[in-house]
Structures are given as structure tokens and as C-alpha cells.
Amino acid sequence: MAAQINEASAGSAGLRYWVVGGLYTDTNFTTLIDGGPQERIGPFASYKAALSEWSRLAWRSVDNCHARYHIEAEASANSEATG
């Protein structure tokens, strides 16, 4: 299961990071404009790499109050098999 994270909680080995979000119908951020699932970009091997992509997406949509992206972490298949 993926969890929304922040920089303070990023640093665990064996995690993969995803940038998740999209364009929503309103600022409640519950329904995407196209009605589909959220965009999932990744996986990234490090929080720093995911943060770089998040920053690119956030700045691309800085003038759109209906856009929202965040970073999620999930255990990689390797860490699940060994831990």
C-alpha cells in the first residue's frame, strides 16, 4: 500500500516513489476532470528524483488551482521479498 510522504519521512531503503495527481473538477480534489484515475508517474528510486518530477509538474500547473500532485512511497518488490 502506498503512503503519502514528505521529505522528513523519505529515506527508507527499499522504497519506490511515485508522483500522483492530476487536474480535478474543483478544489476539493476528489474528482478528476476526465473522471479517470489519478496520474501515477514513476517509479523513482529516490525521494529526490520524485521531488524533482513533482516540482516540474507543480510549476507546469502553477496557475491552475485545480491541479494537485503529491509524492507517495511504496515498498519495492525486492524489499517485500526480503523483509
N, C-alpha and C. Protein backbone atom coordinates (compact mmCIF):
# COMPACT_ATOMS: atom_id res chain seq x y z
N MET A 1 0.84 -1.18 0.00
CA MET A 1 0.00 0.00 0.00
C MET A 1 0.89 1.24 0.00
N ALA A 2 0.55 2.20 -0.83
CA ALA A 2 1.32 3.43 -0.94
C ALA A 2 0.90 4.41 0.15
N ALA A 3 1.84 5.22 0.58
CA ALA A 3 1.56 6.22 1.60
C ALA A 3 2.07 7.57 1.12
N GLN A 4 1.29 8.61 1.37
CA GLN A 4 1.75 9.95 1.05
C GLN A 4 2.86 10.30 2.03
N ILE A 5 3.94 10.89 1.53
CA ILE A 5 5.09 11.16 2.38
C ILE A 5 5.55 12.59 2.23
N ASN A 6 6.47 12.96 3.09
CA ASN A 6 7.14 14.25 2.97
C ASN A 6 8.63 14.00 3.09
N GLU A 7 9.43 15.05 2.89
CA GLU A 7 10.88 14.88 2.87
C GLU A 7 11.42 14.32 4.18
N ALA A 8 10.82 14.68 5.30
CA ALA A 8 11.30 14.20 6.60
C ALA A 8 11.16 12.68 6.74
N SER A 9 10.15 12.11 6.10
CA SER A 9 9.94 10.67 6.22
C SER A 9 10.55 9.88 5.07
N ALA A 10 11.24 10.57 4.16
CA ALA A 10 11.82 9.90 2.99
C ALA A 10 13.25 9.53 3.27
N GLY A 11 13.62 8.35 3.18
CA GLY A 11 15.00 7.97 3.39
C GLY A 11 15.09 6.49 3.69
N SER A 12 13.96 5.84 3.72
CA SER A 12 13.94 4.42 3.98
C SER A 12 14.43 3.66 2.75
N ALA A 13 15.35 2.74 2.96
CA ALA A 13 15.84 1.92 1.87
C ALA A 13 14.73 0.97 1.42
N GLY A 14 14.75 0.61 0.16
CA GLY A 14 13.79 -0.34 -0.36
C GLY A 14 12.45 0.25 -0.72
N LEU A 15 12.37 1.57 -0.80
CA LEU A 15 11.12 2.21 -1.20
C LEU A 15 11.20 2.68 -2.64
N ARG A 16 10.05 2.68 -3.31
CA ARG A 16 9.89 3.30 -4.61
C ARG A 16 8.98 4.50 -4.42
N TYR A 17 9.19 5.53 -5.19
CA TYR A 17 8.43 6.77 -5.05
C TYR A 17 7.68 7.07 -6.33
N TRP A 18 6.46 7.55 -6.18
CA TRP A 18 5.58 7.90 -7.29
C TRP A 18 5.08 9.32 -7.10
N VAL A 19 4.93 10.03 -8.20
CA VAL A 19 4.27 11.33 -8.18
C VAL A 19 2.85 11.07 -8.65
N VAL A 20 1.88 11.48 -7.85
CA VAL A 20 0.47 11.13 -8.09
C VAL A 20 -0.37 12.39 -8.09
N GLY A 21 -1.33 12.46 -9.00
CA GLY A 21 -2.24 13.61 -9.02
C GLY A 21 -2.84 13.83 -10.39
N GLY A 22 -3.21 15.09 -10.64
CA GLY A 22 -3.80 15.44 -11.92
C GLY A 22 -4.62 16.70 -11.81
N LEU A 23 -5.53 16.85 -12.77
CA LEU A 23 -6.43 18.01 -12.81
C LEU A 23 -7.80 17.60 -12.30
N TYR A 24 -8.29 18.31 -11.31
CA TYR A 24 -9.54 17.97 -10.63
C TYR A 24 -10.66 18.94 -11.03
N THR A 25 -11.89 18.52 -10.78
CA THR A 25 -13.05 19.35 -11.13
C THR A 25 -13.20 20.57 -10.25
N ASP A 26 -12.68 20.49 -9.01
CA ASP A 26 -12.76 21.62 -8.08
C ASP A 26 -11.65 21.49 -7.05
N THR A 27 -11.60 22.43 -6.13
CA THR A 27 -10.51 22.43 -5.15
C THR A 27 -10.76 21.53 -3.94
N ASN A 28 -11.76 20.67 -4.01
CA ASN A 28 -11.89 19.59 -3.02
C ASN A 28 -10.97 18.44 -3.38
N PHE A 29 -10.51 18.40 -4.64
CA PHE A 29 -9.56 17.41 -5.14
C PHE A 29 -10.04 15.97 -4.94
N THR A 30 -11.32 15.74 -5.23
CA THR A 30 -11.86 14.38 -5.10
C THR A 30 -12.17 13.74 -6.45
N THR A 31 -12.51 14.53 -7.47
CA THR A 31 -12.89 14.00 -8.78
C THR A 31 -12.03 14.62 -9.86
N LEU A 32 -11.39 13.76 -10.64
CA LEU A 32 -10.57 14.25 -11.75
C LEU A 32 -11.46 14.75 -12.89
N ILE A 33 -10.95 15.71 -13.64
CA ILE A 33 -11.72 16.30 -14.74
C ILE A 33 -12.21 15.24 -15.72
N ASP A 34 -11.34 14.31 -16.10
CA ASP A 34 -11.75 13.29 -17.07
C ASP A 34 -12.45 12.10 -16.43
N GLY A 35 -12.59 12.12 -15.10
CA GLY A 35 -13.28 11.04 -14.40
C GLY A 35 -12.47 9.78 -14.22
N GLY A 36 -11.27 9.76 -14.75
CA GLY A 36 -10.42 8.57 -14.66
C GLY A 36 -9.60 8.53 -13.38
N PRO A 37 -8.65 7.62 -13.34
CA PRO A 37 -7.78 7.52 -12.17
C PRO A 37 -6.73 8.64 -12.17
N GLN A 38 -6.10 8.84 -11.02
CA GLN A 38 -5.03 9.82 -10.92
C GLN A 38 -3.85 9.38 -11.79
N GLU A 39 -3.10 10.37 -12.28
CA GLU A 39 -1.85 10.06 -12.97
C GLU A 39 -0.88 9.49 -11.94
N ARG A 40 -0.11 8.48 -12.34
CA ARG A 40 0.96 7.93 -11.49
C ARG A 40 2.22 7.97 -12.32
N ILE A 41 3.16 8.81 -11.94
CA ILE A 41 4.40 8.96 -12.67
C ILE A 41 5.51 8.33 -11.84
N GLY A 42 6.25 7.42 -12.44
CA GLY A 42 7.31 6.74 -11.72
C GLY A 42 7.33 5.27 -12.10
N PRO A 43 7.98 4.45 -11.34
CA PRO A 43 8.53 4.73 -10.02
C PRO A 43 9.90 5.40 -10.10
N PHE A 44 10.26 6.07 -9.02
CA PHE A 44 11.57 6.68 -8.86
C PHE A 44 12.29 5.95 -7.74
N ALA A 45 13.59 5.77 -7.89
CA ALA A 45 14.37 5.04 -6.91
C ALA A 45 14.67 5.88 -5.67
N SER A 46 14.56 7.20 -5.79
CA SER A 46 14.86 8.06 -4.64
C SER A 46 13.80 9.14 -4.49
N TYR A 47 13.66 9.60 -3.26
CA TYR A 47 12.73 10.70 -3.00
C TYR A 47 13.17 11.94 -3.76
N LYS A 48 14.47 12.17 -3.84
CA LYS A 48 15.00 13.34 -4.53
C LYS A 48 14.58 13.35 -6.00
N ALA A 49 14.63 12.21 -6.67
CA ALA A 49 14.22 12.12 -8.07
C ALA A 49 12.72 12.37 -8.20
N ALA A 50 11.92 11.82 -7.29
CA ALA A 50 10.48 12.05 -7.31
C ALA A 50 10.17 13.51 -7.04
N LEU A 51 10.89 14.12 -6.12
CA LEU A 51 10.68 15.53 -5.82
C LEU A 51 10.98 16.42 -7.02
N SER A 52 11.99 16.06 -7.78
CA SER A 52 12.32 16.81 -8.99
C SER A 52 11.17 16.75 -9.99
N GLU A 53 10.59 15.57 -10.18
CA GLU A 53 9.45 15.44 -11.10
C GLU A 53 8.22 16.15 -10.55
N TRP A 54 7.98 16.03 -9.25
CA TRP A 54 6.86 16.74 -8.64
C TRP A 54 7.00 18.24 -8.87
N SER A 55 8.20 18.77 -8.69
CA SER A 55 8.46 20.19 -8.88
C SER A 55 8.17 20.61 -10.32
N ARG A 56 8.61 19.80 -11.28
CA ARG A 56 8.35 20.10 -12.69
C ARG A 56 6.85 20.17 -12.96
N LEU A 57 6.12 19.19 -12.47
CA LEU A 57 4.67 19.16 -12.68
C LEU A 57 3.96 20.31 -11.95
N ALA A 58 4.40 20.59 -10.75
CA ALA A 58 3.79 21.67 -9.97
C ALA A 58 4.00 23.02 -10.65
N TRP A 59 5.21 23.26 -11.13
CA TRP A 59 5.46 24.54 -11.81
C TRP A 59 4.75 24.62 -13.15
N ARG A 60 4.58 23.50 -13.82
CA ARG A 60 3.85 23.48 -15.10
C ARG A 60 2.40 23.90 -14.90
N SER A 61 1.86 23.59 -13.73
CA SER A 61 0.44 23.87 -13.46
C SER A 61 0.25 24.92 -12.37
N VAL A 62 1.24 25.76 -12.15
CA VAL A 62 1.22 26.71 -11.02
C VAL A 62 0.02 27.66 -11.09
N ASP A 63 -0.46 27.98 -12.27
CA ASP A 63 -1.59 28.91 -12.40
C ASP A 63 -2.95 28.23 -12.44
N ASN A 64 -2.98 26.93 -12.22
CA ASN A 64 -4.24 26.19 -12.27
C ASN A 64 -4.56 25.68 -10.86
N CYS A 65 -5.55 26.30 -10.22
CA CYS A 65 -5.88 25.91 -8.84
C CYS A 65 -6.53 24.54 -8.75
N HIS A 66 -6.86 23.92 -9.87
CA HIS A 66 -7.46 22.59 -9.86
C HIS A 66 -6.43 21.48 -10.03
N ALA A 67 -5.17 21.84 -10.15
CA ALA A 67 -4.10 20.84 -10.30
C ALA A 67 -3.49 20.55 -8.94
N ARG A 68 -3.25 19.28 -8.70
CA ARG A 68 -2.60 18.89 -7.44
C ARG A 68 -1.80 17.62 -7.67
N TYR A 69 -0.59 17.62 -7.15
CA TYR A 69 0.30 16.46 -7.21
C TYR A 69 0.93 16.25 -5.84
N HIS A 70 1.24 15.02 -5.50
CA HIS A 70 1.95 14.70 -4.27
C HIS A 70 2.83 13.48 -4.52
N ILE A 71 3.68 13.18 -3.56
CA ILE A 71 4.58 12.04 -3.68
C ILE A 71 4.10 10.93 -2.74
N GLU A 72 4.06 9.72 -3.27
CA GLU A 72 3.72 8.55 -2.47
C GLU A 72 4.90 7.58 -2.50
N ALA A 73 5.04 6.83 -1.43
CA ALA A 73 6.09 5.81 -1.35
C ALA A 73 5.44 4.46 -1.17
N GLU A 74 6.08 3.45 -1.73
CA GLU A 74 5.64 2.07 -1.52
C GLU A 74 6.86 1.19 -1.43
N ALA A 75 6.72 0.10 -0.73
CA ALA A 75 7.81 -0.84 -0.62
C ALA A 75 8.05 -1.48 -1.98
N SER A 76 9.30 -1.59 -2.37
CA SER A 76 9.62 -2.23 -3.65
C SER A 76 9.45 -3.74 -3.52
N ALA A 77 9.33 -4.41 -4.63
CA ALA A 77 9.16 -5.86 -4.63
C ALA A 77 10.35 -6.54 -3.96
N ASN A 78 11.55 -6.01 -4.15
CA ASN A 78 12.75 -6.60 -3.53
C ASN A 78 12.69 -6.51 -2.02
N SER A 79 12.26 -5.36 -1.47
CA SER A 79 12.23 -5.22 -0.02
C SER A 79 11.11 -6.05 0.60
N GLU A 80 10.01 -6.26 -0.14
CA GLU A 80 8.93 -7.09 0.37
C GLU A 80 9.37 -8.56 0.42
N ALA A 81 10.18 -8.98 -0.55
CA ALA A 81 10.62 -10.36 -0.59
C ALA A 81 11.65 -10.65 0.48
N THR A 82 12.43 -9.63 0.88
CA THR A 82 13.50 -9.86 1.85
C THR A 82 13.14 -9.38 3.25
N GLY A 83 12.07 -8.61 3.39
CA GLY A 83 11.81 -8.05 4.70
C GLY A 83 10.46 -8.31 5.14
